[in-house]
Structure formats: C-alpha cells, structure tokens
C-alpha cells in the first residue's frame, strides 16, 4: 500500500516537472529588459487578455521565441510591436 501511495504521489507531481523551461541569454541588461517588457505587454492570441509572459499556449511560446530573436537582432520595441501587430 505504501508503494502505491508513493507512486501516486510521484505521478501527481511529475507533470509540472516535465514542462519546458525557456532559458534565453542576452548580450546585455538592456536587451533583457526590452524582451521582458515586450512579453509582458504583448497579448497571446489564444489566451484572450493574457500576456505572452503568462501564457502556456504553443503560440505564446512561438511568439516569445520570435520576440527574443528580434531583440537579439537589435530591433527596437516599436519595431517588434509593429511587426507583431502587422503579422497577427
């Protein structure tokens, strides 16, 4: 019985452990701040009224990656926002 309880507990808590963790590196603090500002400001199209930072939708993951790539390419906040508005 003790083994069954242990297995059930492991199964219960293993879900969150398997979630993907995004770890992006930045050249400087300014880039990191711009990225964080953008993903907190931009909204997920799937999770209505939820920002990209808080959304777990696959689209939000893709949009965070796109935002990261654009910030790494030196795009300004306005350029990233304009691209996202035009594209989506």
Protein backbone atom coordinates (compact mmCIF):
# COMPACT_ATOMS: atom_id res chain seq x y z
CA UNK A 1 0.00 0.00 0.00
CA UNK A 2 2.87 2.33 0.82
CA UNK A 3 4.42 1.78 -2.63
CA UNK A 4 1.11 2.54 -4.33
CA UNK A 5 0.80 5.84 -2.43
CA UNK A 6 4.37 6.75 -3.30
CA UNK A 7 3.79 6.01 -6.98
CA UNK A 8 0.59 8.04 -6.98
CA UNK A 9 2.38 10.99 -5.41
CA UNK A 10 5.19 10.76 -7.95
CA UNK A 11 2.69 10.68 -10.81
CA UNK A 12 0.79 13.62 -9.37
CA UNK A 13 3.85 15.84 -9.10
CA UNK A 14 5.69 14.70 -12.23
CA UNK A 15 3.51 16.75 -14.62
CA UNK A 16 4.91 20.16 -13.69
CA UNK A 17 8.43 18.78 -13.75
CA UNK A 18 8.13 17.84 -17.41
CA UNK A 19 7.16 21.35 -18.53
CA UNK A 20 9.67 23.08 -20.79
CA UNK A 21 11.77 25.84 -19.28
CA UNK A 22 12.75 28.69 -21.53
CA UNK A 23 16.22 29.97 -20.82
CA UNK A 24 17.36 32.81 -23.02
CA UNK A 25 20.69 34.54 -22.77
CA UNK A 26 21.15 38.21 -23.59
CA UNK A 27 24.13 40.31 -24.58
CA UNK A 28 23.27 42.97 -22.02
CA UNK A 29 20.72 44.04 -19.41
CA UNK A 30 19.05 46.46 -21.83
CA UNK A 31 18.17 43.64 -24.24
CA UNK A 32 16.84 41.52 -21.41
CA UNK A 33 14.72 44.41 -20.10
CA UNK A 34 13.34 45.12 -23.59
CA UNK A 35 12.42 41.44 -24.03
CA UNK A 36 10.69 41.27 -20.65
CA UNK A 37 8.78 44.50 -21.31
CA UNK A 38 7.61 43.19 -24.67
CA UNK A 39 6.39 39.78 -23.48
CA UNK A 40 4.56 41.44 -20.59
CA UNK A 41 2.92 43.96 -22.94
CA UNK A 42 2.06 41.75 -25.93
CA UNK A 43 -1.07 39.61 -25.62
CA UNK A 44 -1.50 35.98 -26.56
CA UNK A 45 -3.99 35.43 -29.37
CA UNK A 46 -5.09 32.10 -27.92
CA UNK A 47 -5.40 33.06 -24.23
CA UNK A 48 -7.52 36.16 -24.52
CA UNK A 49 -6.24 39.04 -22.42
CA UNK A 50 -3.28 37.07 -21.08
CA UNK A 51 0.19 38.39 -21.87
CA UNK A 52 2.85 36.31 -23.60
CA UNK A 53 4.85 36.03 -20.38
CA UNK A 54 1.99 34.32 -18.54
CA UNK A 55 0.57 32.18 -21.35
CA UNK A 56 1.41 28.49 -21.73
CA UNK A 57 -0.13 28.22 -25.22
CA UNK A 58 2.11 26.93 -28.01
CA UNK A 59 1.52 30.14 -29.95
CA UNK A 60 2.75 32.18 -26.99
CA UNK A 61 5.89 30.04 -26.88
CA UNK A 62 6.46 30.74 -30.58
CA UNK A 63 5.81 34.46 -30.13
CA UNK A 64 8.21 34.66 -27.18
CA UNK A 65 10.85 32.99 -29.35
CA UNK A 66 10.14 35.40 -32.21
CA UNK A 67 10.35 38.33 -29.80
CA UNK A 68 13.66 37.04 -28.45
CA UNK A 69 15.08 36.64 -31.96
CA UNK A 70 14.03 40.17 -32.93
CA UNK A 71 15.54 41.65 -29.75
CA UNK A 72 18.76 39.72 -30.43
CA UNK A 73 18.76 41.18 -33.97
CA UNK A 74 18.74 44.67 -32.47
CA UNK A 75 15.12 45.54 -33.22
CA UNK A 76 13.61 48.31 -31.12
CA UNK A 77 10.49 47.85 -29.01
CA UNK A 78 8.45 49.77 -31.60
CA UNK A 79 9.77 47.60 -34.44
CA UNK A 80 8.85 44.40 -32.60
CA UNK A 81 5.37 45.69 -31.72
CA UNK A 82 4.77 46.91 -35.29
CA UNK A 83 5.80 43.51 -36.66
CA UNK A 84 3.51 41.62 -34.28
CA UNK A 85 0.55 43.92 -34.95
CA UNK A 86 1.02 43.67 -38.72
CA UNK A 87 1.60 39.92 -38.68
CA UNK A 88 -1.12 38.93 -36.19
